[in-house]
N, C-alpha and C. Protein backbone atom coordinates (compact mmCIF):
# COMPACT_ATOMS: atom_id res chain seq x y z
N MET A 1 4.32 7.80 -16.80
CA MET A 1 4.04 7.77 -15.38
C MET A 1 4.61 9.03 -14.74
N ARG A 2 3.87 9.53 -13.76
CA ARG A 2 4.34 10.65 -12.95
C ARG A 2 4.39 10.17 -11.51
N PHE A 3 5.44 10.58 -10.79
CA PHE A 3 5.66 10.14 -9.42
C PHE A 3 5.49 11.34 -8.50
N ALA A 4 4.50 11.28 -7.60
CA ALA A 4 4.22 12.37 -6.67
C ALA A 4 4.64 11.96 -5.26
N THR A 5 5.40 12.82 -4.61
CA THR A 5 5.87 12.53 -3.26
C THR A 5 4.71 12.63 -2.27
N THR A 6 4.93 12.04 -1.09
CA THR A 6 3.95 12.06 -0.01
C THR A 6 4.65 12.51 1.27
N ALA A 7 3.95 12.45 2.38
CA ALA A 7 4.52 12.83 3.68
C ALA A 7 5.54 11.83 4.20
N VAL A 8 5.66 10.67 3.55
CA VAL A 8 6.61 9.64 3.98
C VAL A 8 7.69 9.48 2.92
N GLU A 9 8.94 9.56 3.35
CA GLU A 9 10.06 9.44 2.44
C GLU A 9 9.99 8.11 1.68
N GLY A 10 10.01 8.21 0.35
CA GLY A 10 10.02 7.02 -0.50
C GLY A 10 8.65 6.49 -0.87
N VAL A 11 7.60 6.88 -0.17
CA VAL A 11 6.24 6.47 -0.53
C VAL A 11 5.76 7.42 -1.62
N MET A 12 5.28 6.86 -2.72
CA MET A 12 4.89 7.68 -3.86
C MET A 12 3.50 7.33 -4.37
N ILE A 13 2.83 8.34 -4.85
CA ILE A 13 1.62 8.12 -5.63
C ILE A 13 2.07 8.14 -7.09
N VAL A 14 1.76 7.08 -7.79
CA VAL A 14 2.14 6.95 -9.20
C VAL A 14 0.90 7.25 -10.03
N GLU A 15 0.99 8.31 -10.81
CA GLU A 15 -0.12 8.70 -11.66
C GLU A 15 0.15 8.19 -13.07
N LEU A 16 -0.79 7.44 -13.59
CA LEU A 16 -0.60 6.81 -14.89
C LEU A 16 -0.88 7.79 -16.02
N ASP A 17 -0.06 7.72 -17.06
CA ASP A 17 -0.29 8.47 -18.29
C ASP A 17 -0.91 7.51 -19.27
N GLY A 18 -2.21 7.55 -19.38
CA GLY A 18 -2.90 6.61 -20.26
C GLY A 18 -3.34 7.26 -21.55
N HIS A 19 -3.85 6.42 -22.40
CA HIS A 19 -4.37 6.85 -23.70
C HIS A 19 -5.79 6.34 -23.80
N GLU A 20 -6.68 7.24 -24.19
CA GLU A 20 -8.09 6.87 -24.31
C GLU A 20 -8.55 7.14 -25.74
N ASP A 21 -9.32 6.21 -26.27
CA ASP A 21 -9.92 6.40 -27.59
C ASP A 21 -11.25 5.64 -27.61
N ALA A 22 -11.80 5.45 -28.78
CA ALA A 22 -13.10 4.80 -28.89
C ALA A 22 -13.10 3.38 -28.32
N ARG A 23 -11.94 2.74 -28.27
CA ARG A 23 -11.85 1.38 -27.76
C ARG A 23 -11.86 1.32 -26.24
N GLY A 24 -11.47 2.42 -25.59
CA GLY A 24 -11.37 2.43 -24.13
C GLY A 24 -10.10 3.11 -23.68
N TYR A 25 -9.45 2.53 -22.67
CA TYR A 25 -8.30 3.15 -22.03
C TYR A 25 -7.15 2.16 -21.95
N PHE A 26 -5.93 2.66 -22.12
CA PHE A 26 -4.74 1.84 -22.01
C PHE A 26 -3.68 2.63 -21.24
N ALA A 27 -3.02 1.97 -20.28
CA ALA A 27 -1.91 2.60 -19.56
C ALA A 27 -0.92 1.53 -19.13
N ARG A 28 0.33 1.90 -19.11
CA ARG A 28 1.37 1.03 -18.56
C ARG A 28 1.34 1.23 -17.05
N THR A 29 1.26 0.14 -16.28
CA THR A 29 1.19 0.25 -14.83
C THR A 29 2.52 -0.03 -14.14
N PHE A 30 3.49 -0.53 -14.89
CA PHE A 30 4.81 -0.73 -14.31
C PHE A 30 5.86 -0.73 -15.40
N CYS A 31 6.96 -0.03 -15.15
CA CYS A 31 8.13 -0.05 -16.02
C CYS A 31 9.35 0.06 -15.10
N GLU A 32 10.14 -1.01 -15.03
CA GLU A 32 11.29 -1.04 -14.13
C GLU A 32 12.23 0.15 -14.37
N GLU A 33 12.43 0.52 -15.62
CA GLU A 33 13.32 1.64 -15.95
C GLU A 33 12.77 2.97 -15.44
N GLU A 34 11.47 3.20 -15.61
CA GLU A 34 10.88 4.45 -15.12
C GLU A 34 10.93 4.53 -13.60
N PHE A 35 10.67 3.43 -12.93
CA PHE A 35 10.77 3.42 -11.47
C PHE A 35 12.20 3.70 -11.03
N ALA A 36 13.17 3.08 -11.70
CA ALA A 36 14.58 3.30 -11.36
C ALA A 36 14.97 4.76 -11.57
N ARG A 37 14.51 5.37 -12.67
CA ARG A 37 14.81 6.79 -12.91
C ARG A 37 14.23 7.67 -11.82
N ALA A 38 13.11 7.23 -11.22
CA ALA A 38 12.49 7.99 -10.12
C ALA A 38 13.14 7.66 -8.78
N GLY A 39 14.16 6.78 -8.80
CA GLY A 39 14.87 6.42 -7.57
C GLY A 39 14.15 5.40 -6.72
N LEU A 40 13.23 4.65 -7.31
CA LEU A 40 12.43 3.68 -6.57
C LEU A 40 12.91 2.27 -6.85
N GLU A 41 13.18 1.54 -5.77
CA GLU A 41 13.61 0.14 -5.86
C GLU A 41 12.39 -0.72 -6.20
N MET A 42 12.44 -1.42 -7.32
CA MET A 42 11.33 -2.32 -7.62
C MET A 42 11.72 -3.28 -8.72
N ARG A 43 11.75 -4.52 -8.36
CA ARG A 43 11.91 -5.63 -9.30
C ARG A 43 10.81 -6.60 -8.93
N VAL A 44 9.84 -6.77 -9.79
CA VAL A 44 8.67 -7.57 -9.46
C VAL A 44 9.03 -9.05 -9.43
N VAL A 45 8.79 -9.68 -8.27
CA VAL A 45 9.08 -11.10 -8.11
C VAL A 45 7.83 -11.91 -7.76
N GLN A 46 6.74 -11.20 -7.47
CA GLN A 46 5.52 -11.89 -7.06
C GLN A 46 4.36 -10.92 -7.27
N THR A 47 3.20 -11.45 -7.60
CA THR A 47 1.98 -10.64 -7.72
C THR A 47 0.93 -11.25 -6.80
N ASN A 48 0.26 -10.40 -6.03
CA ASN A 48 -0.78 -10.85 -5.11
C ASN A 48 -2.11 -10.19 -5.47
N PHE A 49 -3.19 -10.83 -5.07
CA PHE A 49 -4.54 -10.33 -5.34
C PHE A 49 -5.36 -10.43 -4.07
N SER A 50 -6.13 -9.39 -3.76
CA SER A 50 -6.99 -9.38 -2.58
C SER A 50 -8.41 -9.00 -3.00
N ARG A 51 -9.36 -9.89 -2.74
CA ARG A 51 -10.78 -9.61 -3.00
C ARG A 51 -11.44 -9.30 -1.68
N ASN A 52 -12.24 -8.25 -1.65
CA ASN A 52 -12.86 -7.76 -0.42
C ASN A 52 -14.33 -7.45 -0.68
N PRO A 53 -15.23 -8.39 -0.36
CA PRO A 53 -16.64 -8.21 -0.69
C PRO A 53 -17.35 -7.11 0.12
N ARG A 54 -16.86 -6.84 1.34
CA ARG A 54 -17.59 -5.90 2.21
C ARG A 54 -16.94 -4.53 2.26
N ARG A 55 -17.77 -3.51 2.26
CA ARG A 55 -17.33 -2.14 2.49
C ARG A 55 -16.84 -2.02 3.93
N LEU A 56 -15.84 -1.21 4.17
CA LEU A 56 -15.24 -0.94 5.48
C LEU A 56 -14.50 -2.14 6.06
N THR A 57 -13.93 -2.94 5.16
CA THR A 57 -13.03 -4.01 5.56
C THR A 57 -11.63 -3.42 5.68
N LEU A 58 -10.96 -3.71 6.78
CA LEU A 58 -9.59 -3.25 6.98
C LEU A 58 -8.64 -4.44 6.87
N ARG A 59 -7.58 -4.25 6.11
CA ARG A 59 -6.49 -5.22 6.06
C ARG A 59 -5.22 -4.45 6.38
N GLY A 60 -4.54 -4.85 7.43
CA GLY A 60 -3.29 -4.18 7.78
C GLY A 60 -3.21 -3.93 9.27
N MET A 61 -2.10 -3.44 9.67
CA MET A 61 -0.98 -2.87 8.94
C MET A 61 0.16 -3.90 8.91
N HIS A 62 0.49 -4.38 7.72
CA HIS A 62 1.41 -5.51 7.55
C HIS A 62 2.76 -5.08 6.98
N TYR A 63 3.79 -5.86 7.32
CA TYR A 63 5.12 -5.71 6.74
C TYR A 63 5.88 -7.01 6.96
N GLN A 64 7.01 -7.16 6.28
CA GLN A 64 7.91 -8.28 6.53
C GLN A 64 9.16 -7.74 7.22
N ALA A 65 9.60 -8.44 8.27
CA ALA A 65 10.79 -8.04 9.00
C ALA A 65 12.02 -8.17 8.10
N GLU A 66 12.98 -7.28 8.32
CA GLU A 66 14.25 -7.36 7.58
C GLU A 66 14.99 -8.63 8.00
N PRO A 67 15.69 -9.24 7.12
CA PRO A 67 16.14 -8.74 5.82
C PRO A 67 15.16 -9.04 4.69
N HIS A 68 13.90 -9.26 5.00
CA HIS A 68 12.92 -9.66 3.99
C HIS A 68 11.94 -8.55 3.66
N GLY A 69 12.33 -7.29 3.91
CA GLY A 69 11.46 -6.17 3.60
C GLY A 69 10.98 -6.23 2.16
N GLU A 70 9.75 -5.75 1.95
CA GLU A 70 9.15 -5.92 0.63
C GLU A 70 8.59 -4.61 0.10
N PRO A 71 9.22 -4.05 -0.93
CA PRO A 71 8.59 -2.93 -1.61
C PRO A 71 7.38 -3.45 -2.37
N LYS A 72 6.38 -2.60 -2.56
CA LYS A 72 5.20 -3.04 -3.29
C LYS A 72 4.54 -1.89 -4.02
N ILE A 73 3.82 -2.24 -5.05
CA ILE A 73 2.99 -1.30 -5.79
C ILE A 73 1.56 -1.81 -5.66
N VAL A 74 0.67 -0.95 -5.20
CA VAL A 74 -0.72 -1.33 -4.94
C VAL A 74 -1.61 -0.67 -5.99
N HIS A 75 -2.52 -1.46 -6.56
CA HIS A 75 -3.42 -0.98 -7.61
C HIS A 75 -4.83 -1.50 -7.31
N CYS A 76 -5.77 -0.61 -7.17
CA CYS A 76 -7.17 -1.00 -6.97
C CYS A 76 -7.81 -1.16 -8.36
N VAL A 77 -8.21 -2.39 -8.69
CA VAL A 77 -8.74 -2.66 -10.02
C VAL A 77 -10.27 -2.75 -10.04
N ARG A 78 -10.88 -2.74 -8.85
CA ARG A 78 -12.34 -2.70 -8.75
C ARG A 78 -12.69 -2.14 -7.39
N GLY A 79 -13.72 -1.33 -7.31
CA GLY A 79 -14.15 -0.76 -6.03
C GLY A 79 -13.37 0.50 -5.71
N ARG A 80 -13.14 0.72 -4.41
CA ARG A 80 -12.43 1.93 -3.96
C ARG A 80 -11.85 1.66 -2.59
N VAL A 81 -10.60 2.07 -2.37
CA VAL A 81 -9.93 1.86 -1.08
C VAL A 81 -9.17 3.11 -0.66
N PHE A 82 -8.96 3.21 0.65
CA PHE A 82 -8.04 4.18 1.22
C PHE A 82 -6.81 3.38 1.62
N ASP A 83 -5.71 3.63 0.93
CA ASP A 83 -4.48 2.85 1.10
C ASP A 83 -3.50 3.65 1.95
N VAL A 84 -2.81 2.98 2.88
CA VAL A 84 -1.95 3.66 3.85
C VAL A 84 -0.60 2.97 3.97
N ALA A 85 0.44 3.78 4.10
CA ALA A 85 1.79 3.30 4.42
C ALA A 85 2.27 4.03 5.66
N VAL A 86 2.89 3.29 6.59
CA VAL A 86 3.47 3.87 7.80
C VAL A 86 4.96 3.58 7.80
N ASP A 87 5.75 4.61 8.03
CA ASP A 87 7.20 4.48 8.03
C ASP A 87 7.67 3.85 9.35
N LEU A 88 8.24 2.65 9.27
CA LEU A 88 8.76 1.95 10.45
C LEU A 88 10.29 1.90 10.46
N ARG A 89 10.93 2.74 9.65
CA ARG A 89 12.39 2.77 9.53
C ARG A 89 12.94 3.78 10.54
N PRO A 90 13.52 3.31 11.67
CA PRO A 90 13.99 4.24 12.71
C PRO A 90 14.98 5.29 12.20
N GLN A 91 15.76 4.98 11.17
CA GLN A 91 16.74 5.92 10.66
C GLN A 91 16.13 6.94 9.70
N SER A 92 14.87 6.78 9.35
CA SER A 92 14.23 7.65 8.36
C SER A 92 13.80 8.98 8.99
N PRO A 93 13.92 10.08 8.24
CA PRO A 93 13.44 11.37 8.76
C PRO A 93 11.92 11.43 8.90
N THR A 94 11.21 10.46 8.30
CA THR A 94 9.75 10.43 8.42
C THR A 94 9.27 9.25 9.27
N TYR A 95 10.17 8.73 10.12
CA TYR A 95 9.82 7.61 11.02
C TYR A 95 8.51 7.91 11.76
N ARG A 96 7.60 6.94 11.75
CA ARG A 96 6.29 6.98 12.40
C ARG A 96 5.25 7.82 11.66
N ARG A 97 5.62 8.46 10.58
CA ARG A 97 4.63 9.21 9.80
C ARG A 97 3.89 8.25 8.87
N TRP A 98 2.74 8.69 8.43
CA TRP A 98 1.95 7.88 7.51
C TRP A 98 1.60 8.71 6.28
N ALA A 99 1.29 8.02 5.21
CA ALA A 99 0.79 8.64 3.98
C ALA A 99 -0.36 7.78 3.50
N GLY A 100 -1.36 8.41 2.95
CA GLY A 100 -2.51 7.68 2.44
C GLY A 100 -2.94 8.20 1.09
N ALA A 101 -3.62 7.35 0.35
CA ALA A 101 -4.13 7.73 -0.97
C ALA A 101 -5.39 6.94 -1.24
N GLU A 102 -6.37 7.61 -1.82
CA GLU A 102 -7.56 6.91 -2.26
C GLU A 102 -7.27 6.35 -3.65
N LEU A 103 -7.57 5.07 -3.81
CA LEU A 103 -7.34 4.38 -5.08
C LEU A 103 -8.64 3.80 -5.59
N ASP A 104 -8.86 3.94 -6.88
CA ASP A 104 -9.99 3.28 -7.54
C ASP A 104 -9.62 3.12 -9.02
N PRO A 105 -10.37 2.34 -9.77
CA PRO A 105 -9.98 2.08 -11.16
C PRO A 105 -10.02 3.31 -12.05
N ASP A 106 -10.73 4.35 -11.64
CA ASP A 106 -10.90 5.52 -12.51
C ASP A 106 -9.94 6.67 -12.23
N ASN A 107 -9.25 6.67 -11.07
CA ASN A 107 -8.39 7.83 -10.80
C ASN A 107 -6.95 7.65 -11.29
N ASN A 108 -6.67 6.54 -11.95
CA ASN A 108 -5.37 6.32 -12.60
C ASN A 108 -4.19 6.48 -11.65
N ARG A 109 -4.34 5.97 -10.44
CA ARG A 109 -3.28 6.05 -9.44
C ARG A 109 -2.88 4.68 -8.94
N LEU A 110 -1.58 4.57 -8.64
CA LEU A 110 -1.04 3.43 -7.93
C LEU A 110 -0.36 3.99 -6.69
N PHE A 111 -0.06 3.11 -5.72
CA PHE A 111 0.61 3.54 -4.50
C PHE A 111 1.87 2.70 -4.36
N TYR A 112 3.03 3.36 -4.34
CA TYR A 112 4.31 2.67 -4.17
C TYR A 112 4.73 2.77 -2.71
N ILE A 113 5.05 1.62 -2.11
CA ILE A 113 5.44 1.54 -0.71
C ILE A 113 6.81 0.87 -0.64
N PRO A 114 7.83 1.57 -0.11
CA PRO A 114 9.16 0.98 -0.04
C PRO A 114 9.28 -0.02 1.11
N ARG A 115 10.34 -0.82 1.08
CA ARG A 115 10.64 -1.73 2.20
C ARG A 115 10.76 -0.91 3.47
N GLY A 116 10.38 -1.50 4.58
CA GLY A 116 10.48 -0.82 5.86
C GLY A 116 9.23 -0.04 6.26
N CYS A 117 8.21 -0.11 5.43
CA CYS A 117 6.94 0.55 5.75
C CYS A 117 5.85 -0.51 5.92
N ALA A 118 4.99 -0.29 6.89
CA ALA A 118 3.81 -1.14 7.04
C ALA A 118 2.75 -0.67 6.06
N HIS A 119 1.92 -1.58 5.63
CA HIS A 119 0.90 -1.27 4.63
C HIS A 119 -0.46 -1.81 5.08
N GLY A 120 -1.49 -1.05 4.79
CA GLY A 120 -2.85 -1.50 5.03
C GLY A 120 -3.82 -0.69 4.20
N PHE A 121 -5.06 -1.16 4.15
CA PHE A 121 -6.08 -0.39 3.43
C PHE A 121 -7.44 -0.65 4.04
N LEU A 122 -8.34 0.30 3.78
CA LEU A 122 -9.74 0.23 4.19
C LEU A 122 -10.58 0.31 2.94
N THR A 123 -11.48 -0.66 2.74
CA THR A 123 -12.33 -0.61 1.56
C THR A 123 -13.41 0.45 1.77
N LEU A 124 -13.59 1.28 0.76
CA LEU A 124 -14.62 2.33 0.81
C LEU A 124 -15.81 1.97 -0.05
N ALA A 125 -15.72 0.84 -0.72
CA ALA A 125 -16.83 0.32 -1.53
C ALA A 125 -16.84 -1.19 -1.40
N ALA A 126 -18.03 -1.76 -1.53
CA ALA A 126 -18.13 -3.22 -1.54
C ALA A 126 -17.43 -3.74 -2.80
N ASN A 127 -17.01 -4.98 -2.76
CA ASN A 127 -16.39 -5.64 -3.90
C ASN A 127 -15.17 -4.88 -4.42
N SER A 128 -14.25 -4.61 -3.51
CA SER A 128 -13.00 -3.93 -3.88
C SER A 128 -11.90 -4.97 -4.07
N ASP A 129 -11.25 -4.90 -5.22
CA ASP A 129 -10.19 -5.84 -5.57
C ASP A 129 -8.87 -5.09 -5.71
N ILE A 130 -7.81 -5.64 -5.11
CA ILE A 130 -6.50 -5.02 -5.09
C ILE A 130 -5.49 -5.98 -5.71
N VAL A 131 -4.62 -5.44 -6.56
CA VAL A 131 -3.50 -6.19 -7.11
C VAL A 131 -2.22 -5.56 -6.56
N TYR A 132 -1.33 -6.39 -6.04
CA TYR A 132 -0.05 -5.93 -5.50
C TYR A 132 1.07 -6.50 -6.36
N LEU A 133 1.96 -5.65 -6.81
CA LEU A 133 3.21 -6.10 -7.40
C LEU A 133 4.23 -6.08 -6.27
N MET A 134 4.85 -7.20 -6.00
CA MET A 134 5.75 -7.33 -4.85
C MET A 134 7.20 -7.37 -5.31
N GLY A 135 8.04 -6.63 -4.59
CA GLY A 135 9.46 -6.57 -4.90
C GLY A 135 10.29 -7.56 -4.12
N ALA A 136 9.64 -8.39 -3.33
CA ALA A 136 10.32 -9.46 -2.57
C ALA A 136 9.30 -10.58 -2.36
N PRO A 137 9.76 -11.81 -2.33
CA PRO A 137 8.83 -12.92 -2.11
C PRO A 137 8.37 -12.97 -0.65
N TYR A 138 7.23 -13.59 -0.45
CA TYR A 138 6.75 -13.84 0.91
C TYR A 138 7.68 -14.85 1.57
N VAL A 139 8.08 -14.57 2.80
CA VAL A 139 8.96 -15.47 3.55
C VAL A 139 8.20 -15.89 4.82
N PRO A 140 7.79 -17.16 4.92
CA PRO A 140 7.07 -17.60 6.11
C PRO A 140 7.86 -17.27 7.38
N GLY A 141 7.15 -16.79 8.37
CA GLY A 141 7.76 -16.44 9.65
C GLY A 141 8.27 -15.01 9.73
N SER A 142 8.31 -14.29 8.63
CA SER A 142 8.81 -12.91 8.67
C SER A 142 7.68 -11.88 8.66
N GLY A 143 6.46 -12.33 8.48
CA GLY A 143 5.32 -11.40 8.47
C GLY A 143 5.07 -10.80 9.84
N ARG A 144 4.86 -9.49 9.87
CA ARG A 144 4.61 -8.76 11.11
C ARG A 144 3.48 -7.75 10.87
N GLY A 145 3.11 -7.08 11.94
CA GLY A 145 2.10 -6.04 11.81
C GLY A 145 2.11 -5.11 13.01
N VAL A 146 1.49 -3.97 12.82
CA VAL A 146 1.28 -3.01 13.91
C VAL A 146 -0.20 -2.63 13.90
N ARG A 147 -0.65 -2.16 15.05
CA ARG A 147 -2.06 -1.83 15.23
C ARG A 147 -2.50 -0.70 14.29
N TRP A 148 -3.60 -0.90 13.61
CA TRP A 148 -4.12 0.03 12.61
C TRP A 148 -4.47 1.40 13.20
N ASN A 149 -4.78 1.42 14.50
CA ASN A 149 -5.19 2.68 15.14
C ASN A 149 -4.24 3.11 16.25
N ASP A 150 -2.98 2.72 16.15
CA ASP A 150 -1.98 3.11 17.14
C ASP A 150 -1.86 4.63 17.16
N PRO A 151 -2.06 5.27 18.32
CA PRO A 151 -1.95 6.73 18.37
C PRO A 151 -0.55 7.25 18.04
N ALA A 152 0.47 6.40 18.12
CA ALA A 152 1.83 6.83 17.74
C ALA A 152 1.90 7.22 16.27
N PHE A 153 1.00 6.67 15.45
CA PHE A 153 0.97 6.98 14.02
C PHE A 153 -0.06 8.06 13.71
N GLY A 154 -1.21 8.02 14.39
CA GLY A 154 -2.25 9.01 14.16
C GLY A 154 -2.88 8.95 12.77
N ILE A 155 -3.02 7.74 12.23
CA ILE A 155 -3.62 7.61 10.90
C ILE A 155 -5.05 8.14 10.94
N GLU A 156 -5.37 8.98 9.97
CA GLU A 156 -6.72 9.54 9.86
C GLU A 156 -7.51 8.73 8.84
N TRP A 157 -8.06 7.62 9.32
CA TRP A 157 -8.89 6.79 8.47
C TRP A 157 -10.17 7.55 8.14
N PRO A 158 -10.68 7.46 6.91
CA PRO A 158 -11.88 8.20 6.54
C PRO A 158 -13.15 7.69 7.22
N GLU A 159 -13.14 6.42 7.63
CA GLU A 159 -14.27 5.84 8.35
C GLU A 159 -13.72 4.76 9.28
N THR A 160 -14.57 4.29 10.18
CA THR A 160 -14.18 3.26 11.12
C THR A 160 -14.41 1.88 10.51
N PRO A 161 -13.40 1.01 10.55
CA PRO A 161 -13.58 -0.34 10.01
C PRO A 161 -14.66 -1.12 10.75
N VAL A 162 -15.35 -1.99 10.03
CA VAL A 162 -16.32 -2.89 10.67
C VAL A 162 -15.94 -4.35 10.50
N GLU A 163 -14.99 -4.62 9.60
CA GLU A 163 -14.55 -5.99 9.35
C GLU A 163 -13.03 -6.01 9.32
N MET A 164 -12.44 -6.93 10.09
CA MET A 164 -10.99 -7.16 10.03
C MET A 164 -10.71 -8.51 10.64
N SER A 165 -9.56 -9.05 10.33
CA SER A 165 -9.19 -10.35 10.88
C SER A 165 -8.85 -10.21 12.36
N GLU A 166 -8.91 -11.31 13.07
CA GLU A 166 -8.51 -11.33 14.49
C GLU A 166 -7.05 -10.90 14.63
N ARG A 167 -6.23 -11.37 13.72
CA ARG A 167 -4.80 -11.01 13.74
C ARG A 167 -4.62 -9.50 13.63
N ASP A 168 -5.29 -8.89 12.65
CA ASP A 168 -5.15 -7.44 12.47
C ASP A 168 -5.71 -6.66 13.65
N ALA A 169 -6.77 -7.18 14.27
CA ALA A 169 -7.38 -6.50 15.42
C ALA A 169 -6.53 -6.56 16.68
N THR A 170 -5.61 -7.53 16.74
CA THR A 170 -4.85 -7.73 17.98
C THR A 170 -3.36 -7.42 17.87
N TYR A 171 -2.93 -6.87 16.74
CA TYR A 171 -1.52 -6.45 16.65
C TYR A 171 -1.21 -5.44 17.74
N GLY A 172 0.03 -5.45 18.20
CA GLY A 172 0.47 -4.46 19.16
C GLY A 172 0.81 -3.15 18.47
N GLY A 173 1.16 -2.17 19.28
CA GLY A 173 1.54 -0.87 18.74
C GLY A 173 3.02 -0.81 18.42
N ILE A 174 3.48 0.38 18.18
CA ILE A 174 4.87 0.59 17.78
C ILE A 174 5.84 0.10 18.84
N GLU A 175 5.40 0.06 20.08
CA GLU A 175 6.30 -0.38 21.15
C GLU A 175 6.65 -1.87 21.01
N THR A 176 5.94 -2.60 20.15
CA THR A 176 6.22 -4.03 19.97
C THR A 176 7.23 -4.29 18.86
N LEU A 177 7.69 -3.27 18.19
CA LEU A 177 8.64 -3.49 17.08
C LEU A 177 9.95 -4.05 17.56
């Protein structure tokens, strides 16, 4: 695995070192020791799956309030998504900045998002499936979100969403934190 930095402190693009032969392709998608050597906090305690049948579906921008912050590794296993992390850590030098990465099954990339960052994605293809490795369990009542198009963040989405939940459409901006 190779870890590439982004515009947000602690958010990383993880590039897989796979092996290909006549049988197909094989790659390790998580190794606690390799993540630790890269300085990334991650102990997998939960795995989540998101199926998204429609292109231009937006999910986000979600996070869990402290002390239940959740690091995560995002992997697109079918389709294609634009994945985004926004730094909500006031003490961070990259507070309010965002980082994004296009993920699909063929580009051998994962997206690591540390605790304290909001996460969301926009599907760029129909039938996009996402697997999340979670570093903290879901805690009812701690889930929060911020508006996907808050000008305080200035996220440059590649296209305009056409599908999102009522909850995601009505989140407040950064002033609601």
